[in-house]
Amino acid sequence: MSKNYSVRLRCPYGDDESWIILENRSESLDEIVKMLWDFECQLHGAQRDFPIEATEKGAGISVVAATEAPALVAQGRGQRASERRSWHVPVLIRGWSDAKGGTFRESSFTAVVNSAGALVNLATKVGTSDVVYLVNSVSKEEQEVRVAYVSAEFEGKIAVGLAFQSECPNFWQRTRYTQRVPVATPVTVHGGEPNPFVHSAYTVDISKAGARLDGMGFLAKPGAIVEVKRRWHGKARYRVVWVGRVGTPLVNQVGLACVDAEKDIWGEKLPEDEEKDGEEGMAAKKSGEPAK
């Protein structure tokens, strides 16, 4: 029998919350709170995350479940190692996929992390107990991990829980947040399939890790790869991290994370990278503006 749910989600870049309605669903309430859902943050645009609350509606009765995303537990431990954080860290997962019948390499972003592992979205099918390698794309640190959890497929992807062999509290703490420099520089942005475009924009600020552009509107969605070209300085590929929503100070702006880390198209002297621990990293996200 189909059911209807109300789901509350929180933007990973701040404290803004949104409610969405799920109609005619076959999943149980427990399954609903363990799945990733797309929603719109009023400030940062399209996002995807786990619910922080879900309510089943029917016959005038509401059942509320505080969300518990799949536990991240280090191998050999019987309880969760540390508090989970909703951090979006770029990662690379590589290994063997029985479903694919060969090796794979897939870039993704974490949805949840702690000292025992992470939860990521993958298009490649993997199985529970598979062993793969997890690379922090920022710090370049690599760890062998075990697949501890695999969700049901949703829109062509699965949520995968990855567990370290032993606790690694520094694996995420070494993720660097780079200082940004306010610079207004004209650039040309090229978008690929399925909606190719060429558009002129200006930088708002830049860093070694990425940039914020103004004048982009909604030409690209979060997760898309675009090419940013600066005349006489070359070009580099960037991943769209967030898109500003209409009616907010960030409208027409996008946040970009650099994919071609070895390329420098800015020609500016940028501050050296700063390594911040987890609490400082969270403070950066709490500022209300996405970190790049």
Protein backbone atom coordinates (compact mmCIF):
# COMPACT_ATOMS: atom_id res chain seq x y z
CA MET A 1 0.00 0.00 0.00
CA SER A 2 1.39 3.39 -0.97
CA LYS A 3 2.10 5.96 1.74
CA ASN A 4 2.65 9.71 1.94
CA TYR A 5 5.49 11.34 3.88
CA SER A 6 6.64 14.79 4.91
CA VAL A 7 10.43 15.02 5.09
CA ARG A 8 12.54 17.75 6.70
CA LEU A 9 16.05 18.33 5.33
CA ARG A 10 18.85 20.71 6.27
CA CYS A 11 21.23 22.39 3.83
CA PRO A 12 24.79 21.06 4.41
CA TYR A 13 26.15 24.60 3.92
CA GLY A 14 24.18 26.18 6.78
CA ASP A 15 21.13 25.92 9.04
CA ASP A 16 18.44 26.51 6.40
CA GLU A 17 15.79 23.77 6.48
CA SER A 18 13.26 22.65 3.89
CA TRP A 19 10.22 20.36 3.91
CA ILE A 20 9.32 18.18 0.94
CA ILE A 21 6.25 15.99 0.37
CA LEU A 22 6.68 12.41 -0.85
CA GLU A 23 3.49 10.95 -2.27
CA ASN A 24 2.53 7.36 -3.13
CA ARG A 25 5.73 5.81 -1.83
CA SER A 26 6.19 2.08 -1.26
CA GLU A 27 9.11 2.49 1.18
CA SER A 28 8.73 2.21 4.94
CA LEU A 29 9.43 5.17 7.23
CA ASP A 30 12.71 3.55 8.25
CA GLU A 31 13.75 3.29 4.60
CA ILE A 32 12.73 6.88 3.86
CA VAL A 33 15.06 8.32 6.52
CA LYS A 34 17.99 6.26 5.21
CA MET A 35 17.69 7.56 1.64
CA LEU A 36 19.13 10.67 0.01
CA TRP A 37 16.59 13.20 -1.29
CA ASP A 38 16.85 16.20 -3.58
CA PHE A 39 15.59 19.54 -2.25
CA GLU A 40 15.98 23.30 -2.73
CA CYS A 41 17.79 25.43 -0.16
CA GLN A 42 16.51 29.01 -0.27
CA LEU A 43 20.08 30.32 -0.13
CA HIS A 44 22.25 27.73 -1.84
CA GLY A 45 19.88 26.18 -4.39
CA ALA A 46 19.64 22.49 -5.29
CA GLN A 47 21.02 20.08 -2.66
CA ARG A 48 20.85 16.38 -1.77
CA ASP A 49 21.07 14.96 1.76
CA PHE A 50 19.54 12.63 4.33
CA PRO A 51 16.41 13.76 6.19
CA ILE A 52 16.72 15.01 9.74
CA GLU A 53 13.06 14.17 10.31
CA ALA A 54 10.31 12.28 8.49
CA THR A 55 6.58 12.03 9.17
CA GLU A 56 4.24 9.38 7.84
CA LYS A 57 0.77 10.68 7.17
CA GLY A 58 -2.37 8.60 7.13
CA ALA A 59 -5.68 8.18 8.93
CA GLY A 60 -4.98 11.35 10.89
CA ILE A 61 -1.93 9.81 12.56
CA SER A 62 1.58 11.22 12.21
CA VAL A 63 4.62 9.16 13.08
CA VAL A 64 7.84 11.14 13.42
CA ALA A 65 11.22 9.45 13.17
CA ALA A 66 14.46 11.21 14.09
CA THR A 67 16.80 10.33 11.28
CA GLU A 68 19.64 7.88 11.68
CA ALA A 69 21.67 7.61 8.51
CA PRO A 70 23.53 4.31 8.12
CA ALA A 71 26.08 4.02 10.91
CA LEU A 72 29.72 4.45 9.97
CA VAL A 73 31.64 1.92 12.03
CA ALA A 74 35.34 1.13 11.76
CA GLN A 75 36.19 -2.50 11.15
CA GLY A 76 36.52 -4.48 14.33
CA ARG A 77 34.46 -2.03 16.39
CA GLY A 78 30.97 -2.59 17.73
CA GLN A 79 29.84 1.03 18.01
CA ARG A 80 30.03 4.24 16.01
CA ALA A 81 33.50 5.75 16.37
CA SER A 82 32.67 9.46 16.43
CA GLU A 83 29.99 12.00 15.70
CA ARG A 84 28.97 12.14 12.05
CA ARG A 85 29.35 15.36 10.07
CA SER A 86 27.46 16.35 6.93
CA TRP A 87 30.58 17.40 5.02
CA HIS A 88 30.76 17.43 1.23
CA VAL A 89 34.38 16.44 0.55
CA PRO A 90 35.51 15.54 -3.00
CA VAL A 91 36.75 11.95 -3.09
CA LEU A 92 37.88 9.31 -5.56
CA ILE A 93 36.85 5.67 -5.14
CA ARG A 94 38.65 2.95 -7.07
CA GLY A 95 38.58 -0.81 -6.95
CA TRP A 96 36.93 -3.88 -8.49
CA SER A 97 33.23 -4.14 -9.31
CA ASP A 98 31.74 -7.60 -9.86
CA ALA A 99 28.70 -6.00 -11.54
CA LYS A 100 30.98 -4.19 -13.99
CA GLY A 101 33.30 -7.15 -14.35
CA GLY A 102 36.42 -5.04 -14.00
CA THR A 103 38.13 -2.20 -12.22
CA PHE A 104 36.54 1.22 -11.78
CA ARG A 105 37.46 4.76 -10.80
CA GLU A 106 34.69 7.16 -9.83
CA SER A 107 34.79 10.70 -8.45
CA SER A 108 32.13 11.67 -5.93
CA PHE A 109 31.41 13.80 -2.85
CA THR A 110 30.86 12.55 0.69
CA ALA A 111 27.43 13.04 2.26
CA VAL A 112 28.44 12.06 5.81
CA VAL A 113 31.88 11.50 7.38
CA ASN A 114 33.38 10.49 10.72
CA SER A 115 36.62 8.98 11.98
CA ALA A 116 35.43 5.51 10.96
CA GLY A 117 34.56 6.20 7.32
CA ALA A 118 32.15 7.98 5.02
CA LEU A 119 28.91 7.75 3.10
CA VAL A 120 29.14 8.50 -0.63
CA ASN A 121 26.94 8.25 -3.72
CA LEU A 122 28.15 5.97 -6.50
CA ALA A 123 26.89 5.07 -9.96
CA THR A 124 29.15 1.98 -9.97
CA LYS A 125 27.54 -1.05 -8.33
CA VAL A 126 29.50 -2.48 -5.41
CA GLY A 127 28.61 -5.12 -2.83
CA THR A 128 28.73 -5.34 0.94
CA SER A 129 32.19 -6.47 2.19
CA ASP A 130 33.91 -5.41 -1.05
CA VAL A 131 37.30 -3.78 -0.49
CA VAL A 132 38.03 -0.55 -2.38
CA TYR A 133 40.35 2.44 -2.06
CA LEU A 134 39.16 5.85 -0.89
CA VAL A 135 41.16 8.97 -1.85
CA ASN A 136 40.59 12.38 -0.28
CA SER A 137 40.87 14.53 -3.42
CA VAL A 138 41.95 17.58 -1.40
CA SER A 139 44.66 16.14 0.84
CA LYS A 140 45.47 13.27 -1.60
CA GLU A 141 45.53 10.83 1.34
CA GLU A 142 44.40 7.30 0.48
CA GLN A 143 42.96 4.49 2.61
CA GLU A 144 41.82 0.94 1.95
CA VAL A 145 38.18 0.69 3.04
CA ARG A 146 35.45 -1.93 3.25
CA VAL A 147 31.94 -1.47 1.86
CA ALA A 148 29.81 -1.69 5.00
CA TYR A 149 26.45 -0.56 3.61
CA VAL A 150 24.73 -0.36 0.22
CA SER A 151 21.35 1.35 -0.21
CA ALA A 152 18.66 0.63 -2.77
CA GLU A 153 19.30 2.32 -6.12
CA PHE A 154 17.79 5.79 -6.50
CA GLU A 155 17.95 7.72 -9.78
CA GLY A 156 20.79 5.55 -11.04
CA LYS A 157 22.95 5.84 -7.92
CA ILE A 158 23.43 4.03 -4.62
CA ALA A 159 24.48 5.36 -1.21
CA VAL A 160 27.55 3.43 -0.06
CA GLY A 161 28.91 3.32 3.48
CA LEU A 162 32.70 2.93 3.57
CA ALA A 163 34.54 1.80 6.71
CA PHE A 164 38.24 2.30 7.46
CA GLN A 165 40.26 -0.67 8.70
CA SER A 166 40.82 1.31 11.90
CA GLU A 167 39.80 4.76 13.05
CA CYS A 168 41.38 7.61 11.03
CA PRO A 169 40.42 10.86 12.80
CA ASN A 170 42.89 12.87 10.71
CA PHE A 171 41.68 11.67 7.31
CA TRP A 172 39.00 14.37 7.15
CA GLN A 173 40.64 16.91 9.46
CA ARG A 174 43.39 17.38 6.90
CA THR A 175 40.89 18.53 4.32
CA ARG A 176 42.03 22.06 3.58
CA TYR A 177 39.91 25.18 3.27
CA THR A 178 41.68 27.78 1.16
CA GLN A 179 41.41 31.50 1.67
CA ARG A 180 39.56 33.36 -1.05
CA VAL A 181 40.62 36.64 -2.64
CA PRO A 182 38.02 39.11 -3.96
CA VAL A 183 38.81 39.54 -7.67
CA ALA A 184 36.51 40.64 -10.53
CA THR A 185 37.89 38.95 -13.65
CA PRO A 186 36.01 38.30 -16.91
CA VAL A 187 35.90 34.63 -17.93
CA THR A 188 34.16 32.46 -20.51
CA VAL A 189 32.38 29.34 -19.28
CA HIS A 190 31.78 26.32 -21.53
CA GLY A 191 29.21 23.69 -20.53
CA GLY A 192 29.09 20.16 -21.93
CA GLU A 193 26.37 17.62 -22.63
CA PRO A 194 23.45 17.28 -22.24
CA ASN A 195 23.02 21.09 -22.36
CA PRO A 196 26.10 22.62 -24.01
CA PHE A 197 26.53 26.38 -23.67
CA VAL A 198 29.10 29.19 -23.90
CA HIS A 199 28.56 32.09 -21.51
CA SER A 200 30.45 35.15 -20.24
CA ALA A 201 30.74 35.67 -16.47
CA TYR A 202 32.86 37.44 -13.84
CA THR A 203 34.65 36.09 -10.80
CA VAL A 204 33.52 37.32 -7.38
CA ASP A 205 36.39 35.68 -5.51
CA ILE A 206 39.00 33.04 -6.27
CA SER A 207 41.22 30.59 -4.41
CA LYS A 208 43.59 27.75 -5.18
CA ALA A 209 40.69 25.32 -4.74
CA GLY A 210 38.00 27.05 -6.77
CA ALA A 211 36.11 30.23 -7.54
CA ARG A 212 32.77 31.99 -7.24
CA LEU A 213 31.27 33.35 -10.45
CA ASP A 214 28.53 35.91 -11.03
CA GLY A 215 26.31 36.08 -14.10
CA MET A 216 25.86 32.32 -14.53
CA GLY A 217 22.17 32.07 -13.63
CA PHE A 218 20.97 28.48 -13.84
CA LEU A 219 22.99 27.38 -16.85
CA ALA A 220 24.69 24.60 -14.88
CA LYS A 221 23.49 22.32 -12.09
CA PRO A 222 25.44 21.14 -9.02
CA GLY A 223 27.75 18.30 -9.98
CA ALA A 224 28.19 19.42 -13.60
CA ILE A 225 31.70 19.84 -15.02
CA VAL A 226 32.34 23.14 -16.82
CA GLU A 227 35.39 24.63 -18.49
CA VAL A 228 36.43 28.12 -17.38
CA LYS A 229 38.62 30.06 -19.80
CA ARG A 230 40.50 33.27 -19.09
CA ARG A 231 41.88 35.12 -22.06
CA TRP A 232 45.67 34.85 -22.36
CA HIS A 233 45.83 32.70 -19.22
CA GLY A 234 44.47 29.34 -20.38
CA LYS A 235 41.57 27.22 -19.20
CA ALA A 236 40.71 24.63 -16.53
CA ARG A 237 37.85 22.33 -15.61
CA TYR A 238 35.68 22.99 -12.57
CA ARG A 239 32.85 21.15 -10.82
CA VAL A 240 29.74 23.14 -9.93
CA VAL A 241 29.29 22.80 -6.15
CA TRP A 242 26.30 25.09 -5.60
CA VAL A 243 23.96 27.42 -7.51
CA GLY A 244 22.51 30.56 -5.88
CA ARG A 245 18.74 30.70 -5.71
CA VAL A 246 16.47 33.48 -6.98
CA GLY A 247 15.50 35.95 -4.23
CA THR A 248 18.76 35.50 -2.29
CA PRO A 249 22.02 37.52 -2.28
CA LEU A 250 23.68 34.67 -4.24
CA VAL A 251 21.26 34.73 -7.18
CA ASN A 252 23.03 34.22 -10.55
CA GLN A 253 26.16 33.04 -8.73
CA VAL A 254 27.77 29.60 -8.70
CA GLY A 255 30.47 28.04 -6.53
CA LEU A 256 33.11 26.04 -8.39
CA ALA A 257 35.69 23.48 -7.21
CA CYS A 258 38.76 23.02 -9.40
CA VAL A 259 39.14 19.61 -11.07
CA ASP A 260 42.46 20.40 -12.78
CA ALA A 261 44.40 21.14 -9.60
CA GLU A 262 47.70 21.53 -11.45
CA LYS A 263 46.42 24.44 -13.57
CA ASP A 264 46.46 28.11 -12.56
CA ILE A 265 44.47 30.43 -14.81
CA TRP A 266 44.25 33.37 -12.42
CA GLY A 267 47.76 34.76 -12.46
CA GLU A 268 47.23 36.12 -8.96
CA LYS A 269 49.29 35.59 -5.81
CA LEU A 270 46.94 33.56 -3.66
CA PRO A 271 47.27 32.79 0.08
CA GLU A 272 48.83 29.49 1.02
CA ASP A 273 46.47 26.68 1.94
CA GLU A 274 45.41 26.55 5.56
CA GLU A 275 44.82 23.24 7.30
CA LYS A 276 41.90 23.45 9.68
CA ASP A 277 40.52 20.88 12.04
CA GLY A 278 36.97 19.61 11.93
CA GLU A 279 35.43 22.23 14.22
CA GLU A 280 36.99 25.10 12.26
CA GLY A 281 35.82 23.52 9.04
CA MET A 282 32.29 23.37 10.36
CA ALA A 283 32.54 27.03 11.39
CA ALA A 284 33.43 27.90 7.81
CA LYS A 285 30.32 26.15 6.58
CA LYS A 286 28.17 27.76 9.28
CA SER A 287 29.08 31.18 7.91
CA GLY A 288 26.20 30.82 5.48
CA GLU A 289 28.29 30.87 2.33
CA PRO A 290 29.60 27.64 0.81
CA ALA A 291 33.30 26.97 1.12
CA LYS A 292 35.20 26.21 -2.07
